[in-house]
Amino acid sequence: MFLVGEAFGDVVAVVLGTYDGRRGSILRLAVHPAYRRRGIASGLVDELERRWAARG
């Protein structure tokens, strides 16, 4: 799964995760330095976990 965070039309964060049916792994997580410390990474990880949970 690949999720993108944006602000004002610009990509400011990305997370790449995989789920093998038993456990999830975050392969990459990046936030633009100007947008760090705003909870963007936490929000992306929370959404990734929510989508994994929805898959079972």
N, C-alpha and C. Protein backbone atom coordinates (compact mmCIF):
# COMPACT_ATOMS: atom_id res chain seq x y z
N MET A 1 0.83 -1.16 0.00
CA MET A 1 0.00 0.00 0.00
C MET A 1 0.88 1.23 0.00
N PHE A 2 0.48 2.20 -0.76
CA PHE A 2 1.25 3.43 -0.89
C PHE A 2 0.30 4.59 -0.61
N LEU A 3 0.57 5.35 0.44
CA LEU A 3 -0.26 6.49 0.80
C LEU A 3 0.55 7.77 0.68
N VAL A 4 -0.12 8.83 0.26
CA VAL A 4 0.53 10.11 0.04
C VAL A 4 -0.16 11.18 0.88
N GLY A 5 0.63 12.02 1.52
CA GLY A 5 0.09 13.17 2.24
C GLY A 5 0.36 14.43 1.42
N GLU A 6 -0.64 15.29 1.32
CA GLU A 6 -0.45 16.50 0.54
C GLU A 6 -0.92 17.72 1.32
N ALA A 7 -0.35 18.86 0.95
CA ALA A 7 -0.74 20.14 1.53
C ALA A 7 -0.69 21.19 0.43
N PHE A 8 -1.81 21.85 0.20
CA PHE A 8 -1.89 22.90 -0.81
C PHE A 8 -1.48 22.41 -2.20
N GLY A 9 -1.81 21.14 -2.50
CA GLY A 9 -1.52 20.58 -3.81
C GLY A 9 -0.12 20.02 -3.98
N ASP A 10 0.69 20.09 -2.93
CA ASP A 10 2.06 19.56 -2.99
C ASP A 10 2.15 18.27 -2.19
N VAL A 11 2.92 17.31 -2.68
CA VAL A 11 3.17 16.08 -1.93
C VAL A 11 4.16 16.42 -0.82
N VAL A 12 3.77 16.14 0.44
CA VAL A 12 4.64 16.47 1.56
C VAL A 12 5.04 15.24 2.37
N ALA A 13 4.39 14.08 2.11
CA ALA A 13 4.72 12.88 2.86
C ALA A 13 4.27 11.64 2.08
N VAL A 14 4.97 10.54 2.32
CA VAL A 14 4.59 9.25 1.72
C VAL A 14 4.88 8.14 2.72
N VAL A 15 4.10 7.07 2.61
CA VAL A 15 4.37 5.87 3.38
C VAL A 15 4.11 4.67 2.47
N LEU A 16 4.99 3.71 2.52
CA LEU A 16 4.87 2.48 1.75
C LEU A 16 4.84 1.33 2.74
N GLY A 17 3.75 0.58 2.72
CA GLY A 17 3.61 -0.54 3.65
C GLY A 17 3.14 -1.78 2.94
N THR A 18 3.38 -2.91 3.55
CA THR A 18 2.96 -4.19 3.00
C THR A 18 2.31 -5.02 4.09
N TYR A 19 1.41 -5.88 3.70
CA TYR A 19 0.69 -6.74 4.65
C TYR A 19 0.62 -8.13 4.04
N ASP A 20 1.13 -9.13 4.75
CA ASP A 20 1.19 -10.48 4.20
C ASP A 20 0.05 -11.37 4.69
N GLY A 21 -0.96 -10.77 5.31
CA GLY A 21 -2.08 -11.54 5.83
C GLY A 21 -1.91 -11.90 7.28
N ARG A 22 -0.71 -11.73 7.80
CA ARG A 22 -0.42 -12.04 9.19
C ARG A 22 0.13 -10.84 9.95
N ARG A 23 0.95 -10.05 9.26
CA ARG A 23 1.52 -8.87 9.91
C ARG A 23 1.83 -7.80 8.85
N GLY A 24 1.83 -6.58 9.30
CA GLY A 24 2.13 -5.47 8.42
C GLY A 24 3.53 -4.93 8.66
N SER A 25 4.11 -4.38 7.62
CA SER A 25 5.45 -3.80 7.72
C SER A 25 5.45 -2.46 6.99
N ILE A 26 6.07 -1.47 7.61
CA ILE A 26 6.27 -0.19 6.95
C ILE A 26 7.65 -0.24 6.32
N LEU A 27 7.68 -0.12 5.00
CA LEU A 27 8.94 -0.20 4.28
C LEU A 27 9.62 1.17 4.17
N ARG A 28 8.82 2.22 3.94
CA ARG A 28 9.37 3.57 3.83
C ARG A 28 8.37 4.56 4.39
N LEU A 29 8.89 5.57 5.05
CA LEU A 29 8.08 6.66 5.57
C LEU A 29 8.92 7.92 5.46
N ALA A 30 8.39 8.93 4.77
CA ALA A 30 9.14 10.17 4.59
C ALA A 30 8.20 11.36 4.68
N VAL A 31 8.68 12.43 5.33
CA VAL A 31 7.95 13.69 5.42
C VAL A 31 8.92 14.81 5.07
N HIS A 32 8.47 15.71 4.22
CA HIS A 32 9.30 16.86 3.84
C HIS A 32 9.71 17.61 5.12
N PRO A 33 10.98 18.03 5.21
CA PRO A 33 11.46 18.69 6.43
C PRO A 33 10.63 19.90 6.87
N ALA A 34 10.08 20.64 5.95
CA ALA A 34 9.29 21.82 6.31
C ALA A 34 7.94 21.46 6.94
N TYR A 35 7.53 20.19 6.82
CA TYR A 35 6.22 19.76 7.34
C TYR A 35 6.34 18.78 8.50
N ARG A 36 7.52 18.59 9.02
CA ARG A 36 7.70 17.66 10.15
C ARG A 36 7.16 18.26 11.44
N ARG A 37 6.92 17.40 12.42
CA ARG A 37 6.45 17.78 13.76
C ARG A 37 5.02 18.33 13.73
N ARG A 38 4.23 17.88 12.74
CA ARG A 38 2.84 18.31 12.62
C ARG A 38 1.86 17.14 12.70
N GLY A 39 2.37 15.94 12.93
CA GLY A 39 1.51 14.77 13.05
C GLY A 39 1.18 14.11 11.72
N ILE A 40 1.82 14.54 10.65
CA ILE A 40 1.52 13.97 9.34
C ILE A 40 1.92 12.50 9.26
N ALA A 41 3.11 12.18 9.73
CA ALA A 41 3.57 10.79 9.71
C ALA A 41 2.67 9.91 10.56
N SER A 42 2.29 10.38 11.73
CA SER A 42 1.39 9.61 12.60
C SER A 42 0.06 9.37 11.92
N GLY A 43 -0.45 10.39 11.25
CA GLY A 43 -1.71 10.24 10.53
C GLY A 43 -1.63 9.23 9.41
N LEU A 44 -0.53 9.23 8.67
CA LEU A 44 -0.36 8.26 7.59
C LEU A 44 -0.24 6.84 8.14
N VAL A 45 0.51 6.67 9.21
CA VAL A 45 0.66 5.34 9.82
C VAL A 45 -0.67 4.87 10.39
N ASP A 46 -1.43 5.76 11.03
CA ASP A 46 -2.75 5.39 11.54
C ASP A 46 -3.67 4.93 10.42
N GLU A 47 -3.65 5.66 9.30
CA GLU A 47 -4.50 5.29 8.16
C GLU A 47 -4.06 3.96 7.56
N LEU A 48 -2.75 3.73 7.48
CA LEU A 48 -2.24 2.46 6.97
C LEU A 48 -2.70 1.32 7.86
N GLU A 49 -2.61 1.48 9.18
CA GLU A 49 -3.05 0.45 10.11
C GLU A 49 -4.56 0.23 10.01
N ARG A 50 -5.33 1.30 9.80
CA ARG A 50 -6.78 1.17 9.65
C ARG A 50 -7.12 0.34 8.41
N ARG A 51 -6.38 0.59 7.33
CA ARG A 51 -6.62 -0.18 6.10
C ARG A 51 -6.20 -1.63 6.24
N TRP A 52 -5.12 -1.88 6.95
CA TRP A 52 -4.74 -3.27 7.22
C TRP A 52 -5.81 -3.99 8.03
N ALA A 53 -6.33 -3.31 9.05
CA ALA A 53 -7.36 -3.90 9.89
C ALA A 53 -8.62 -4.20 9.08
N ALA A 54 -8.95 -3.34 8.14
CA ALA A 54 -10.12 -3.55 7.31
C ALA A 54 -9.97 -4.78 6.41
N ARG A 55 -8.74 -5.14 6.10
CA ARG A 55 -8.49 -6.33 5.28
C ARG A 55 -8.55 -7.61 6.09
N GLY A 56 -8.56 -7.47 7.40
CA GLY A 56 -8.66 -8.67 8.23
C GLY A 56 -7.45 -8.86 9.05
